[in-house]
N, C-alpha and C. Protein backbone atom coordinates (compact mmCIF):
# COMPACT_ATOMS: atom_id res chain seq x y z
N MET A 1 -2.85 -10.72 6.76
CA MET A 1 -2.40 -9.63 5.35
C MET A 1 -2.92 -10.94 4.12
N VAL A 2 -2.90 -9.66 2.85
CA VAL A 2 -2.61 -9.98 1.96
C VAL A 2 -1.86 -9.24 0.89
N LEU A 3 -1.23 -10.25 0.52
CA LEU A 3 0.38 -9.43 -1.12
C LEU A 3 -0.53 -9.20 -2.01
N VAL A 4 0.39 -8.72 -3.18
CA VAL A 4 0.02 -8.62 -4.69
C VAL A 4 0.36 -10.40 -4.58
N ASP A 5 0.97 -10.98 -4.79
CA ASP A 5 1.29 -11.93 -4.32
C ASP A 5 1.00 -13.63 -3.40
N SER A 6 -0.05 -12.71 -3.02
CA SER A 6 -0.49 -14.28 -1.69
C SER A 6 -0.96 -15.53 -2.68
N ARG A 7 -1.41 -16.36 -2.06
CA ARG A 7 -1.58 -17.11 -2.14
C ARG A 7 -3.46 -17.97 -2.81
N MET A 8 -3.76 -18.50 -3.26
CA MET A 8 -5.39 -18.55 -4.04
C MET A 8 -5.57 -18.74 -3.07
N GLU A 9 -5.38 -19.77 -2.37
CA GLU A 9 -5.62 -20.18 -0.80
C GLU A 9 -5.95 -18.99 0.62
N ARG A 10 -4.76 -18.30 0.55
CA ARG A 10 -4.91 -17.73 2.07
C ARG A 10 -6.12 -16.01 0.75
N TRP A 11 -6.64 -15.64 0.08
CA TRP A 11 -7.77 -15.30 -0.38
C TRP A 11 -8.37 -15.80 -0.18
N GLU A 12 -8.73 -17.46 -0.50
CA GLU A 12 -9.94 -17.48 -0.24
C GLU A 12 -10.44 -17.98 1.59
N GLU A 13 -8.85 -17.55 2.28
CA GLU A 13 -9.84 -17.20 3.53
C GLU A 13 -10.06 -16.17 3.64
N VAL A 14 -9.85 -14.94 3.21
CA VAL A 14 -9.44 -13.54 3.70
C VAL A 14 -11.42 -13.34 3.30
N PHE A 15 -12.09 -13.75 1.87
CA PHE A 15 -12.97 -13.96 1.06
C PHE A 15 -14.03 -14.65 2.08
N ALA A 16 -13.28 -15.51 3.22
CA ALA A 16 -15.05 -15.92 3.21
C ALA A 16 -15.44 -15.65 3.94
N GLY A 17 -17.12 -15.44 3.25
CA GLY A 17 -17.95 -15.15 3.79
C GLY A 17 -18.74 -13.93 2.91
N LEU A 18 -17.81 -13.43 1.95
CA LEU A 18 -17.94 -11.64 1.42
C LEU A 18 -18.96 -12.31 0.82
N PRO A 19 -20.07 -11.67 0.11
CA PRO A 19 -21.39 -12.14 -0.94
C PRO A 19 -21.07 -12.05 -2.02
N ALA A 20 -21.46 -13.20 -3.02
CA ALA A 20 -20.60 -13.48 -4.98
C ALA A 20 -21.23 -12.03 -5.75
N GLU A 21 -21.51 -10.78 -4.50
CA GLU A 21 -22.18 -9.93 -5.88
C GLU A 21 -21.44 -9.26 -5.22
N ILE A 22 -20.26 -8.85 -4.26
CA ILE A 22 -19.26 -8.30 -4.63
C ILE A 22 -18.17 -8.64 -5.57
N GLY A 23 -18.11 -7.02 -6.64
CA GLY A 23 -16.98 -7.87 -7.39
C GLY A 23 -15.72 -6.83 -7.38
N THR A 24 -15.74 -5.94 -6.02
CA THR A 24 -14.29 -5.17 -6.14
C THR A 24 -14.39 -4.64 -4.27
N VAL A 25 -13.05 -5.36 -4.48
CA VAL A 25 -12.19 -5.41 -2.93
C VAL A 25 -11.28 -4.09 -2.72
N VAL A 26 -11.09 -3.59 -2.07
CA VAL A 26 -10.06 -1.97 -2.16
C VAL A 26 -9.49 -2.49 -0.41
N CYS A 27 -7.93 -2.88 -0.33
CA CYS A 27 -7.40 -3.24 1.07
C CYS A 27 -6.12 -2.41 1.10
N GLY A 28 -5.31 -2.26 1.70
CA GLY A 28 -4.67 -1.52 2.30
C GLY A 28 -3.65 -1.82 3.43
N HIS A 29 -2.84 -1.03 3.94
CA HIS A 29 -1.84 -1.39 5.20
C HIS A 29 -0.88 -1.86 4.70
N THR A 30 0.41 -2.33 3.52
CA THR A 30 0.87 -2.85 2.52
C THR A 30 2.05 -1.94 1.98
N HIS A 31 0.42 -0.79 1.58
CA HIS A 31 1.89 -0.08 0.87
C HIS A 31 1.98 0.61 -0.43
N MET A 32 1.58 -0.85 -1.03
CA MET A 32 1.94 -1.41 -2.35
C MET A 32 1.19 -0.88 -3.00
N PRO A 33 0.88 -0.44 -4.21
CA PRO A 33 -0.18 -0.05 -4.83
C PRO A 33 0.45 -1.20 -6.28
N PHE A 34 -1.43 -1.49 -6.81
CA PHE A 34 -1.34 -2.46 -6.87
C PHE A 34 -2.47 -3.32 -6.85
N ALA A 35 -3.02 -3.94 -8.36
CA ALA A 35 -4.96 -3.98 -8.85
C ALA A 35 -4.38 -5.20 -9.10
N ARG A 36 -4.85 -6.71 -9.24
CA ARG A 36 -5.63 -7.81 -9.84
C ARG A 36 -6.29 -9.10 -9.63
N LEU A 37 -6.76 -9.45 -10.52
CA LEU A 37 -7.97 -10.70 -10.22
C LEU A 37 -7.58 -10.96 -9.63
N VAL A 38 -8.80 -11.66 -8.54
CA VAL A 38 -8.63 -12.44 -7.68
C VAL A 38 -10.07 -13.62 -7.79
N ASP A 39 -10.30 -14.37 -8.09
CA ASP A 39 -11.55 -15.75 -8.36
C ASP A 39 -12.69 -14.89 -9.24
N ARG A 40 -12.02 -14.16 -10.19
CA ARG A 40 -13.79 -13.35 -11.08
C ARG A 40 -14.06 -11.05 -9.72
N ARG A 41 -13.05 -10.97 -8.82
CA ARG A 41 -13.46 -10.22 -7.96
C ARG A 41 -11.90 -8.78 -7.98
N LEU A 42 -12.17 -8.02 -8.20
CA LEU A 42 -10.55 -6.69 -8.79
C LEU A 42 -10.77 -6.83 -7.64
N VAL A 43 -9.42 -6.58 -6.62
CA VAL A 43 -8.57 -5.58 -6.09
C VAL A 43 -8.15 -4.99 -6.14
N VAL A 44 -7.70 -3.52 -5.05
CA VAL A 44 -7.24 -3.01 -5.14
C VAL A 44 -6.18 -2.23 -4.59
N ASN A 45 -5.29 -2.65 -4.47
CA ASN A 45 -4.36 -1.64 -3.25
C ASN A 45 -3.98 0.03 -3.88
N ALA A 46 -4.11 0.57 -2.94
CA ALA A 46 -3.89 2.29 -3.49
C ALA A 46 -2.44 2.80 -3.13
N GLY A 47 -2.24 3.14 -1.91
CA GLY A 47 -0.66 2.44 -1.69
C GLY A 47 -0.72 3.00 -0.96
N SER A 48 0.38 4.29 -1.09
CA SER A 48 0.31 4.73 0.51
C SER A 48 0.97 5.99 0.59
N ILE A 49 0.84 7.09 0.69
CA ILE A 49 1.41 8.38 1.13
C ILE A 49 3.03 7.87 1.98
N GLY A 50 2.85 7.25 2.15
CA GLY A 50 4.27 7.35 3.46
C GLY A 50 4.97 5.88 3.38
N MET A 51 5.59 5.97 3.18
CA MET A 51 6.47 5.04 3.04
C MET A 51 6.19 3.87 2.20
N SER A 52 5.60 4.45 0.76
CA SER A 52 5.28 3.91 -0.56
C SER A 52 6.47 3.17 -1.48
N TYR A 53 6.40 1.88 -1.74
CA TYR A 53 6.94 0.88 -1.93
C TYR A 53 6.45 0.86 -2.97
N GLY A 54 5.39 1.58 -3.47
CA GLY A 54 5.77 2.14 -5.54
C GLY A 54 6.16 2.62 -6.04
N GLY A 55 7.48 3.98 -5.02
CA GLY A 55 8.67 4.90 -5.75
C GLY A 55 8.17 5.45 -5.05
N SER A 56 8.89 7.33 -4.94
CA SER A 56 8.54 7.67 -3.87
C SER A 56 7.18 8.54 -5.38
N GLY A 57 6.38 9.48 -3.52
CA GLY A 57 5.41 10.28 -3.81
C GLY A 57 3.71 9.97 -3.45
N ALA A 58 2.96 10.20 -2.98
CA ALA A 58 1.56 9.59 -3.22
C ALA A 58 1.13 9.43 -3.86
N TRP A 59 1.20 7.57 -3.42
CA TRP A 59 0.45 7.34 -4.25
C TRP A 59 -1.48 7.10 -3.85
N TRP A 60 -2.66 6.73 -4.77
CA TRP A 60 -3.52 6.68 -4.50
C TRP A 60 -4.23 6.08 -5.50
N ALA A 61 -5.64 5.39 -5.86
CA ALA A 61 -6.37 5.01 -6.80
C ALA A 61 -7.84 5.08 -7.42
N LEU A 62 -8.03 6.39 -8.62
CA LEU A 62 -9.21 6.47 -9.15
C LEU A 62 -10.06 4.94 -9.38
N LEU A 63 -10.93 4.87 -8.73
CA LEU A 63 -11.63 4.09 -9.23
C LEU A 63 -13.03 4.16 -9.75
N GLY A 64 -13.58 3.48 -10.57
CA GLY A 64 -14.73 3.60 -11.59
C GLY A 64 -15.13 4.29 -13.56
N PRO A 65 -15.24 3.97 -14.36
CA PRO A 65 -15.32 1.78 -14.10
C PRO A 65 -14.20 2.03 -14.32
N GLY A 66 -13.20 0.67 -14.09
CA GLY A 66 -12.27 -0.11 -14.13
C GLY A 66 -11.32 1.07 -12.55
N VAL A 67 -10.09 1.08 -12.74
CA VAL A 67 -9.55 1.35 -11.32
C VAL A 67 -7.98 1.90 -12.48
N GLN A 68 -7.36 3.07 -12.39
CA GLN A 68 -6.23 3.54 -12.81
C GLN A 68 -5.15 3.80 -11.02
N LEU A 69 -4.43 2.99 -11.31
CA LEU A 69 -3.22 3.54 -9.99
C LEU A 69 -2.29 4.80 -10.20
N ARG A 70 -2.41 5.82 -9.53
CA ARG A 70 -1.54 6.86 -9.71
C ARG A 70 -0.80 7.45 -8.55
N ARG A 71 0.61 8.60 -9.46
CA ARG A 71 1.44 8.99 -8.72
C ARG A 71 0.94 10.50 -8.35
N THR A 72 0.63 10.42 -7.34
CA THR A 72 1.26 12.87 -7.38
C THR A 72 2.09 12.79 -6.36
N LEU A 73 3.51 13.34 -7.28
CA LEU A 73 4.47 13.51 -6.46
C LEU A 73 4.21 14.59 -5.61
N PHE A 74 5.59 15.25 -4.53
CA PHE A 74 6.11 16.30 -3.82
C PHE A 74 6.60 16.49 -2.95
N ASP A 75 7.22 17.41 -2.93
CA ASP A 75 8.21 18.47 -2.39
C ASP A 75 8.68 17.10 -1.02
N VAL A 76 9.29 16.83 -0.78
CA VAL A 76 9.40 15.00 0.37
C VAL A 76 10.66 15.92 0.99
N ASP A 77 11.05 17.26 0.89
CA ASP A 77 12.18 18.19 1.87
C ASP A 77 10.90 18.60 2.51
N ALA A 78 10.11 19.50 1.85
CA ALA A 78 9.30 19.99 2.80
C ALA A 78 8.50 20.26 3.16
N ALA A 79 8.25 18.74 2.43
CA ALA A 79 7.18 17.59 3.94
C ALA A 79 8.44 16.97 5.16
N CYS A 80 9.86 16.99 4.94
CA CYS A 80 10.42 16.63 6.29
C CYS A 80 10.32 17.67 7.11
N ALA A 81 10.23 18.71 6.48
CA ALA A 81 10.68 19.66 6.87
C ALA A 81 9.68 20.23 8.08
N ARG A 82 8.88 20.24 7.54
CA ARG A 82 8.17 20.10 8.38
C ARG A 82 7.50 19.74 9.82
N VAL A 83 7.19 18.39 9.37
CA VAL A 83 7.00 17.03 10.77
C VAL A 83 7.86 17.91 11.64
N ALA A 84 9.33 17.97 11.04
CA ALA A 84 10.21 17.29 12.46
C ALA A 84 10.27 19.43 13.03
N ALA A 85 9.44 20.17 11.66
CA ALA A 85 9.61 21.63 12.69
C ALA A 85 7.83 21.46 13.73
N GLU A 86 6.90 21.14 13.76
CA GLU A 86 5.47 20.73 13.78
C GLU A 86 5.54 19.84 14.74
N SER A 87 5.84 18.44 14.38
CA SER A 87 5.33 17.43 15.31
C SER A 87 6.03 17.23 17.13
N THR A 88 5.58 17.32 17.77
CA THR A 88 5.21 16.14 18.92
C THR A 88 6.04 15.37 19.29
N PHE A 89 6.38 13.95 18.64
CA PHE A 89 6.38 13.20 18.03
C PHE A 89 7.35 13.28 18.63
N PRO A 90 7.54 12.43 19.66
CA PRO A 90 9.80 11.74 19.77
C PRO A 90 9.92 11.16 18.60
N ASP A 91 11.45 11.48 17.41
CA ASP A 91 12.61 11.36 17.01
C ASP A 91 11.24 12.03 15.39
N ALA A 92 11.03 12.46 15.78
CA ALA A 92 9.65 12.37 14.12
C ALA A 92 11.09 13.17 13.23
N VAL A 93 11.96 14.11 12.70
CA VAL A 93 12.92 13.44 11.72
C VAL A 93 13.33 11.76 11.40
N ALA A 94 13.87 11.23 12.47
CA ALA A 94 14.10 10.00 12.07
C ALA A 94 12.22 9.72 11.15
N TRP A 95 11.29 9.55 11.85
CA TRP A 95 10.93 9.06 11.67
C TRP A 95 10.87 9.77 10.08
N ALA A 96 10.67 11.12 9.54
CA ALA A 96 9.95 11.67 8.92
C ALA A 96 10.97 11.23 8.15
N ASP A 97 12.40 10.75 8.23
CA ASP A 97 12.99 10.84 6.53
C ASP A 97 13.07 9.29 6.37
N GLU A 98 12.14 7.83 6.91
CA GLU A 98 11.63 6.99 6.99
C GLU A 98 10.96 7.05 6.02
N TYR A 99 9.66 7.07 6.42
CA TYR A 99 8.74 6.81 6.13
C TYR A 99 7.68 8.10 4.85
N LEU A 100 9.19 9.08 5.73
CA LEU A 100 8.74 9.95 4.00
C LEU A 100 9.51 9.80 2.61
N ARG A 101 10.32 9.75 2.87
CA ARG A 101 11.83 9.37 1.41
C ARG A 101 11.62 7.88 0.92
N PHE A 102 11.65 7.91 -0.08
CA PHE A 102 11.54 6.47 -0.41
C PHE A 102 12.34 5.60 -0.60
N GLN A 103 12.64 4.23 1.30
CA GLN A 103 13.70 4.03 1.20
C GLN A 103 13.44 2.62 0.42
N TYR A 104 12.84 1.70 0.52
CA TYR A 104 12.67 1.19 0.28
C TYR A 104 11.65 0.46 -1.30
N SER A 105 11.78 -0.98 -1.39
CA SER A 105 11.30 -1.41 -2.95
C SER A 105 10.04 -2.48 -2.75
N ASP A 106 9.55 -3.24 -3.48
CA ASP A 106 8.93 -3.65 -3.76
C ASP A 106 9.04 -5.29 -3.02
N ALA A 107 10.22 -5.12 -4.16
CA ALA A 107 10.49 -6.78 -3.91
C ALA A 107 11.51 -6.96 -1.99
N GLU A 108 12.06 -5.88 -1.16
CA GLU A 108 11.92 -5.74 0.19
C GLU A 108 11.36 -6.38 0.87
N ALA A 109 9.79 -5.70 0.44
CA ALA A 109 8.38 -5.32 1.25
C ALA A 109 8.39 -6.53 1.66
N LEU A 110 8.37 -7.54 0.04
CA LEU A 110 7.63 -8.61 -0.59
C LEU A 110 7.99 -9.92 1.28
N ALA A 111 8.97 -9.40 1.19
CA ALA A 111 10.20 -10.11 1.84
C ALA A 111 10.08 -10.35 2.50
N VAL A 112 9.46 -8.72 3.10
CA VAL A 112 9.24 -8.52 4.75
C VAL A 112 7.94 -9.75 5.10
N PHE A 113 6.76 -8.60 4.10
CA PHE A 113 5.23 -9.48 4.28
C PHE A 113 4.72 -10.20 4.57
N ALA A 114 5.94 -11.02 3.51
CA ALA A 114 5.27 -12.09 2.34
C ALA A 114 4.70 -13.46 3.93
N PRO A 115 5.71 -13.88 5.53
CA PRO A 115 5.34 -14.32 6.18
C PRO A 115 4.46 -14.02 6.32
N ARG A 116 4.15 -13.62 6.76
CA ARG A 116 2.21 -12.62 7.67
C ARG A 116 1.61 -12.74 6.66
N ASP A 117 1.72 -13.71 6.04
CA ASP A 117 0.28 -14.15 5.14
C ASP A 117 -0.27 -15.53 5.20
N GLY A 118 0.73 -16.10 5.63
CA GLY A 118 0.48 -17.35 5.75
C GLY A 118 1.34 -18.34 5.33
N ARG A 119 2.66 -17.75 4.47
CA ARG A 119 2.91 -19.59 3.75
C ARG A 119 3.36 -20.13 4.86
């Protein structure tokens, strides 16, 4: 796992074996939108639609040239209602409430995920 504030040694581990000509790396999994330089490479995490730590809405990235982090707002109540009505997932209502509504901050996410990046 790498985060926006991961130390350079961790990025070196992740990029080990990556050809030098690769100038842009797009990553995900942490649901936290960011764009930053790491040893002359542009690293982009587009964010997420669910459990988006960048704030409510669907976070995504527009690439080339450069990068623009974008957010599209949507009707969260309607999305939660649709998940509740159409999903066979156990506890779908609780899942939708937690993952579609903005409930966690980027600071909270960094505190939880930081130990997973080798700190």
